[in-house]
Amino acid sequence: MRRSAEAEAGSESWRSERLPQEGAVAADGFRRVMGAHAAGVVVVTAEAPQGPVGVTATSFTSVSLDPPLVSFYIGDASSTWPGLREAPCFAVNILGEHQQDVAARFATRGVDRFAPPARWDRGPDALPLLQGAIGHLLCRKHDVLAVGDHWLVVGRVAQARVSPEDGRPLLYQRGRYGRFSSLDR
């Protein structure tokens, strides 16, 4: 009999009267359950002292309308984190469903992510902006906080631009890229 993802993540203890203490959920089970959550895909880019840096993120979210704030998480061990940490501003490139190759490239270690076939231009403050993105948010770093084995980066949006074309977002779920399908009836 196959165990469900929630049982593998430790939910068999849900029948107890209290939540378990730290460490009750194994990392692989937690990863499987979180993989069930579909997330939009962005590439965060910045101009670092050593040149442009960028990384694919699915942890991107809006935080506040007033002031306009967004956030994303980046792993402490990410090779991109040192460059992003030093940069005073960053761009969020919201990827369209046609940009799976871009997402994969910026998620790959040990490659020059900005070399061809990557297509990008410089924006304000020399921020690298990926061509074909369905939206861009240009942000000044607002706050950075260590959270577990990741860093929470909060940016104050200084400029925002959406593509004039009606693009659909690239999504990520269960380790695969996908697309949005409307349920309008």
C-alpha atoms as a PDB file:
ATOM      1  CA  MET A   1       0.000   0.000   0.000  1.00  0.00           C
ATOM      2  CA  ARG A   2       1.411   3.397  -1.033  1.00  0.00           C
ATOM      3  CA  ARG A   3       1.613   6.035   1.683  1.00  0.00           C
ATOM      4  CA  SER A   4       0.244   9.464   0.858  1.00  0.00           C
ATOM      5  CA  ALA A   5       2.535  12.499   0.720  1.00  0.00           C
ATOM      6  CA  GLU A   6       0.985  13.829   3.919  1.00  0.00           C
ATOM      7  CA  ALA A   7       1.738  10.587   5.762  1.00  0.00           C
ATOM      8  CA  GLU A   8       5.312  10.705   4.445  1.00  0.00           C
ATOM      9  CA  ALA A   9       5.609  14.290   5.703  1.00  0.00           C
ATOM     10  CA  GLY A  10       4.681  13.238   9.225  1.00  0.00           C
ATOM     11  CA  SER A  11       0.942  13.937   9.361  1.00  0.00           C
ATOM     12  CA  GLU A  12       0.235  10.548  10.933  1.00  0.00           C
ATOM     13  CA  SER A  13       0.781  12.381  14.230  1.00  0.00           C
ATOM     14  CA  TRP A  14      -2.140  14.734  13.501  1.00  0.00           C
ATOM     15  CA  ARG A  15      -4.307  12.686  15.794  1.00  0.00           C
ATOM     16  CA  SER A  16      -2.300  13.741  18.829  1.00  0.00           C
ATOM     17  CA  GLU A  17      -3.559  16.570  21.009  1.00  0.00           C
ATOM     18  CA  ARG A  18      -0.481  18.761  20.519  1.00  0.00           C
ATOM     19  CA  LEU A  19       1.787  19.668  17.641  1.00  0.00           C
ATOM     20  CA  PRO A  20       5.158  17.923  17.767  1.00  0.00           C
ATOM     21  CA  GLN A  21       8.326  19.865  18.574  1.00  0.00           C
ATOM     22  CA  GLU A  22      11.011  20.840  16.013  1.00  0.00           C
ATOM     23  CA  GLY A  23      12.409  18.204  13.716  1.00  0.00           C
ATOM     24  CA  ALA A  24       9.208  16.209  13.485  1.00  0.00           C
ATOM     25  CA  VAL A  25       9.014  16.482   9.683  1.00  0.00           C
ATOM     26  CA  ALA A  26      11.734  14.975   7.506  1.00  0.00           C
ATOM     27  CA  ALA A  27      13.184  17.275   4.830  1.00  0.00           C
ATOM     28  CA  ASP A  28      12.305  14.949   1.937  1.00  0.00           C
ATOM     29  CA  GLY A  29       8.668  14.644   3.040  1.00  0.00           C
ATOM     30  CA  PHE A  30       8.421  18.401   3.551  1.00  0.00           C
ATOM     31  CA  ARG A  31       9.866  18.974   0.065  1.00  0.00           C
ATOM     32  CA  ARG A  32       7.306  16.578  -1.484  1.00  0.00           C
ATOM     33  CA  VAL A  33       4.355  18.283   0.167  1.00  0.00           C
ATOM     34  CA  MET A  34       5.610  21.762  -0.744  1.00  0.00           C
ATOM     35  CA  GLY A  35       6.079  20.513  -4.312  1.00  0.00           C
ATOM     36  CA  ALA A  36       2.315  20.150  -4.545  1.00  0.00           C
ATOM     37  CA  HIS A  37       2.035  23.937  -4.300  1.00  0.00           C
ATOM     38  CA  ALA A  38       2.259  25.587  -7.720  1.00  0.00           C
ATOM     39  CA  ALA A  39       4.327  28.764  -7.746  1.00  0.00           C
ATOM     40  CA  GLY A  40       5.075  31.485 -10.245  1.00  0.00           C
ATOM     41  CA  VAL A  41       8.622  31.591 -11.595  1.00  0.00           C
ATOM     42  CA  VAL A  42      10.813  34.679 -11.588  1.00  0.00           C
ATOM     43  CA  VAL A  43      14.477  35.372 -12.174  1.00  0.00           C
ATOM     44  CA  VAL A  44      16.001  37.859  -9.745  1.00  0.00           C
ATOM     45  CA  THR A  45      18.892  39.778 -11.308  1.00  0.00           C
ATOM     46  CA  ALA A  46      21.317  42.406 -10.033  1.00  0.00           C
ATOM     47  CA  GLU A  47      24.515  44.173 -10.969  1.00  0.00           C
ATOM     48  CA  ALA A  48      27.155  42.970  -8.526  1.00  0.00           C
ATOM     49  CA  PRO A  49      30.766  44.205  -8.291  1.00  0.00           C
ATOM     50  CA  GLN A  50      31.914  41.176 -10.336  1.00  0.00           C
ATOM     51  CA  GLY A  51      29.201  41.658 -12.998  1.00  0.00           C
ATOM     52  CA  PRO A  52      25.589  40.615 -13.483  1.00  0.00           C
ATOM     53  CA  VAL A  53      24.132  37.883 -11.270  1.00  0.00           C
ATOM     54  CA  GLY A  54      20.789  36.151 -11.433  1.00  0.00           C
ATOM     55  CA  VAL A  55      18.888  33.233  -9.981  1.00  0.00           C
ATOM     56  CA  THR A  56      15.558  31.497 -10.576  1.00  0.00           C
ATOM     57  CA  ALA A  57      13.117  31.814  -7.664  1.00  0.00           C
ATOM     58  CA  THR A  58       9.675  30.423  -6.941  1.00  0.00           C
ATOM     59  CA  SER A  59       9.458  31.998  -3.484  1.00  0.00           C
ATOM     60  CA  PHE A  60       8.606  35.454  -4.854  1.00  0.00           C
ATOM     61  CA  THR A  61       5.586  37.264  -3.388  1.00  0.00           C
ATOM     62  CA  SER A  62       4.114  40.691  -2.861  1.00  0.00           C
ATOM     63  CA  VAL A  63       4.371  41.971   0.708  1.00  0.00           C
ATOM     64  CA  SER A  64       2.766  45.413   0.884  1.00  0.00           C
ATOM     65  CA  LEU A  65       0.981  47.960  -1.301  1.00  0.00           C
ATOM     66  CA  ASP A  66       1.919  50.996   0.796  1.00  0.00           C
ATOM     67  CA  PRO A  67       4.831  51.112   0.527  1.00  0.00           C
ATOM     68  CA  PRO A  68       5.094  48.739  -2.455  1.00  0.00           C
ATOM     69  CA  LEU A  69       7.217  45.828  -1.193  1.00  0.00           C
ATOM     70  CA  VAL A  70       8.028  42.395  -2.643  1.00  0.00           C
ATOM     71  CA  SER A  71      10.150  39.550  -1.316  1.00  0.00           C
ATOM     72  CA  PHE A  72      11.918  36.349  -2.245  1.00  0.00           C
ATOM     73  CA  TYR A  73      14.072  33.782  -0.473  1.00  0.00           C
ATOM     74  CA  ILE A  74      17.520  32.639  -1.535  1.00  0.00           C
ATOM     75  CA  GLY A  75      19.512  29.755  -0.105  1.00  0.00           C
ATOM     76  CA  ASP A  76      22.476  30.588   2.105  1.00  0.00           C
ATOM     77  CA  ALA A  77      24.642  28.251   0.007  1.00  0.00           C
ATOM     78  CA  SER A  78      23.592  29.790  -3.335  1.00  0.00           C
ATOM     79  CA  SER A  79      26.552  30.899  -5.449  1.00  0.00           C
ATOM     80  CA  THR A  80      24.444  33.923  -6.463  1.00  0.00           C
ATOM     81  CA  TRP A  81      23.812  35.103  -2.901  1.00  0.00           C
ATOM     82  CA  PRO A  82      27.153  36.914  -2.357  1.00  0.00           C
ATOM     83  CA  GLY A  83      26.575  39.100  -5.433  1.00  0.00           C
ATOM     84  CA  LEU A  84      22.927  39.756  -4.584  1.00  0.00           C
ATOM     85  CA  ARG A  85      23.847  40.548  -0.991  1.00  0.00           C
ATOM     86  CA  GLU A  86      26.267  43.270  -2.117  1.00  0.00           C
ATOM     87  CA  ALA A  87      23.930  44.841  -4.683  1.00  0.00           C
ATOM     88  CA  PRO A  88      21.837  47.805  -3.463  1.00  0.00           C
ATOM     89  CA  CYS A  89      19.039  47.065  -5.939  1.00  0.00           C
ATOM     90  CA  PHE A  90      17.656  44.149  -7.931  1.00  0.00           C
ATOM     91  CA  ALA A  91      15.180  43.351 -10.682  1.00  0.00           C
ATOM     92  CA  VAL A  92      12.439  40.751 -10.593  1.00  0.00           C
ATOM     93  CA  ASN A  93      11.860  39.336 -14.069  1.00  0.00           C
ATOM     94  CA  ILE A  94       8.435  37.636 -14.118  1.00  0.00           C
ATOM     95  CA  LEU A  95       8.761  34.781 -16.583  1.00  0.00           C
ATOM     96  CA  GLY A  96       6.160  33.842 -19.163  1.00  0.00           C
ATOM     97  CA  GLU A  97       5.146  30.292 -20.011  1.00  0.00           C
ATOM     98  CA  HIS A  98       7.420  30.436 -23.073  1.00  0.00           C
ATOM     99  CA  GLN A  99      10.545  30.925 -20.895  1.00  0.00           C
ATOM    100  CA  GLN A 100      11.136  27.469 -19.422  1.00  0.00           C
ATOM    101  CA  ASP A 101      14.650  27.476 -20.883  1.00  0.00           C
ATOM    102  CA  VAL A 102      15.408  30.794 -19.151  1.00  0.00           C
ATOM    103  CA  ALA A 103      14.200  29.442 -15.803  1.00  0.00           C
ATOM    104  CA  ALA A 104      16.306  26.306 -16.226  1.00  0.00           C
ATOM    105  CA  ARG A 105      19.404  28.291 -17.243  1.00  0.00           C
ATOM    106  CA  PHE A 106      19.232  30.596 -14.207  1.00  0.00           C
ATOM    107  CA  ALA A 107      18.697  27.576 -11.938  1.00  0.00           C
ATOM    108  CA  THR A 108      21.810  25.804 -13.267  1.00  0.00           C
ATOM    109  CA  ARG A 109      25.071  26.011 -11.328  1.00  0.00           C
ATOM    110  CA  GLY A 110      28.420  26.589 -12.984  1.00  0.00           C
ATOM    111  CA  VAL A 111      27.274  28.290 -16.200  1.00  0.00           C
ATOM    112  CA  ASP A 112      27.497  31.895 -17.367  1.00  0.00           C
ATOM    113  CA  ARG A 113      23.800  32.604 -17.056  1.00  0.00           C
ATOM    114  CA  PHE A 114      24.073  35.854 -19.035  1.00  0.00           C
ATOM    115  CA  ALA A 115      26.002  34.429 -22.011  1.00  0.00           C
ATOM    116  CA  PRO A 116      24.129  33.615 -25.234  1.00  0.00           C
ATOM    117  CA  PRO A 117      21.519  32.323 -25.726  1.00  0.00           C
ATOM    118  CA  ALA A 118      20.368  34.488 -22.780  1.00  0.00           C
ATOM    119  CA  ARG A 119      18.795  37.706 -24.065  1.00  0.00           C
ATOM    120  CA  TRP A 120      18.927  40.701 -21.772  1.00  0.00           C
ATOM    121  CA  ASP A 121      19.399  44.459 -21.656  1.00  0.00           C
ATOM    122  CA  ARG A 122      20.584  46.933 -19.058  1.00  0.00           C
ATOM    123  CA  GLY A 123      17.945  48.952 -17.245  1.00  0.00           C
ATOM    124  CA  PRO A 124      18.227  51.748 -14.684  1.00  0.00           C
ATOM    125  CA  ASP A 125      21.208  51.381 -12.310  1.00  0.00           C
ATOM    126  CA  ALA A 126      22.635  48.877 -14.834  1.00  0.00           C
ATOM    127  CA  LEU A 127      20.101  46.250 -13.704  1.00  0.00           C
ATOM    128  CA  PRO A 128      20.046  43.231 -16.031  1.00  0.00           C
ATOM    129  CA  LEU A 129      16.527  42.866 -17.488  1.00  0.00           C
ATOM    130  CA  LEU A 130      15.594  39.650 -19.269  1.00  0.00           C
ATOM    131  CA  GLN A 131      13.948  40.063 -22.641  1.00  0.00           C
ATOM    132  CA  GLY A 132      10.610  38.342 -23.092  1.00  0.00           C
ATOM    133  CA  ALA A 133       9.616  38.579 -19.425  1.00  0.00           C
ATOM    134  CA  ILE A 134       5.927  39.354 -18.945  1.00  0.00           C
ATOM    135  CA  GLY A 135       6.753  41.864 -16.221  1.00  0.00           C
ATOM    136  CA  HIS A 136       9.636  43.596 -14.471  1.00  0.00           C
ATOM    137  CA  LEU A 137       9.856  45.060 -10.983  1.00  0.00           C
ATOM    138  CA  LEU A 138      12.890  47.225 -10.238  1.00  0.00           C
ATOM    139  CA  CYS A 139      13.574  47.309  -6.518  1.00  0.00           C
ATOM    140  CA  ARG A 140      15.832  48.933  -3.972  1.00  0.00           C
ATOM    141  CA  LYS A 141      16.843  46.579  -1.187  1.00  0.00           C
ATOM    142  CA  HIS A 142      14.610  47.306   1.806  1.00  0.00           C
ATOM    143  CA  ASP A 143      15.461  44.553   4.299  1.00  0.00           C
ATOM    144  CA  VAL A 144      17.355  41.261   4.548  1.00  0.00           C
ATOM    145  CA  LEU A 145      16.729  38.660   7.233  1.00  0.00           C
ATOM    146  CA  ALA A 146      18.305  35.252   7.902  1.00  0.00           C
ATOM    147  CA  VAL A 147      15.555  32.606   8.112  1.00  0.00           C
ATOM    148  CA  GLY A 148      16.662  28.998   8.592  1.00  0.00           C
ATOM    149  CA  ASP A 149      19.008  28.026   5.765  1.00  0.00           C
ATOM    150  CA  HIS A 150      17.737  30.870   3.548  1.00  0.00           C
ATOM    151  CA  TRP A 151      17.763  34.658   3.413  1.00  0.00           C
ATOM    152  CA  LEU A 152      14.556  36.659   3.082  1.00  0.00           C
ATOM    153  CA  VAL A 153      15.179  39.620   0.792  1.00  0.00           C
ATOM    154  CA  VAL A 154      12.590  42.404   0.775  1.00  0.00           C
ATOM    155  CA  GLY A 155      12.656  45.029  -1.952  1.00  0.00           C
ATOM    156  CA  ARG A 156      10.894  48.356  -2.263  1.00  0.00           C
ATOM    157  CA  VAL A 157       9.517  48.614  -5.790  1.00  0.00           C
ATOM    158  CA  ALA A 158      10.806  51.737  -7.542  1.00  0.00           C
ATOM    159  CA  GLN A 159       9.523  50.942 -11.048  1.00  0.00           C
ATOM    160  CA  ALA A 160       7.101  48.384 -12.455  1.00  0.00           C
ATOM    161  CA  ARG A 161       6.385  47.401 -16.028  1.00  0.00           C
ATOM    162  CA  VAL A 162       4.115  44.763 -17.498  1.00  0.00           C
ATOM    163  CA  SER A 163       4.497  43.465 -21.043  1.00  0.00           C
ATOM    164  CA  PRO A 164       2.095  45.014 -23.548  1.00  0.00           C
ATOM    165  CA  GLU A 165       1.287  41.493 -24.710  1.00  0.00           C
ATOM    166  CA  ASP A 166      -1.113  39.413 -22.664  1.00  0.00           C
ATOM    167  CA  GLY A 167       1.442  36.870 -21.481  1.00  0.00           C
ATOM    168  CA  ARG A 168       0.688  33.933 -19.258  1.00  0.00           C
ATOM    169  CA  PRO A 169       3.009  33.139 -16.331  1.00  0.00           C
ATOM    170  CA  LEU A 170       5.392  30.230 -16.078  1.00  0.00           C
ATOM    171  CA  LEU A 171       4.517  27.981 -13.134  1.00  0.00           C
ATOM    172  CA  TYR A 172       6.515  25.391 -11.204  1.00  0.00           C
ATOM    173  CA  GLN A 173       5.025  22.386  -9.441  1.00  0.00           C
ATOM    174  CA  ARG A 174       6.319  18.939  -8.431  1.00  0.00           C
ATOM    175  CA  GLY A 175       9.711  19.633  -9.985  1.00  0.00           C
ATOM    176  CA  ARG A 176       8.323  20.585 -13.404  1.00  0.00           C
ATOM    177  CA  TYR A 177       7.450  23.739 -15.286  1.00  0.00           C
ATOM    178  CA  GLY A 178       3.894  24.259 -16.445  1.00  0.00           C
ATOM    179  CA  ARG A 179       1.413  26.851 -17.558  1.00  0.00           C
ATOM    180  CA  PHE A 180      -1.694  28.550 -16.288  1.00  0.00           C
ATOM    181  CA  SER A 181      -5.078  27.450 -17.547  1.00  0.00           C
ATOM    182  CA  SER A 182      -8.106  29.562 -16.706  1.00  0.00           C
ATOM    183  CA  LEU A 183     -11.124  27.902 -15.102  1.00  0.00           C
ATOM    184  CA  ASP A 184     -13.521  30.509 -16.496  1.00  0.00           C
ATOM    185  CA  ARG A 185     -16.779  28.889 -17.424  1.00  0.00           C
END
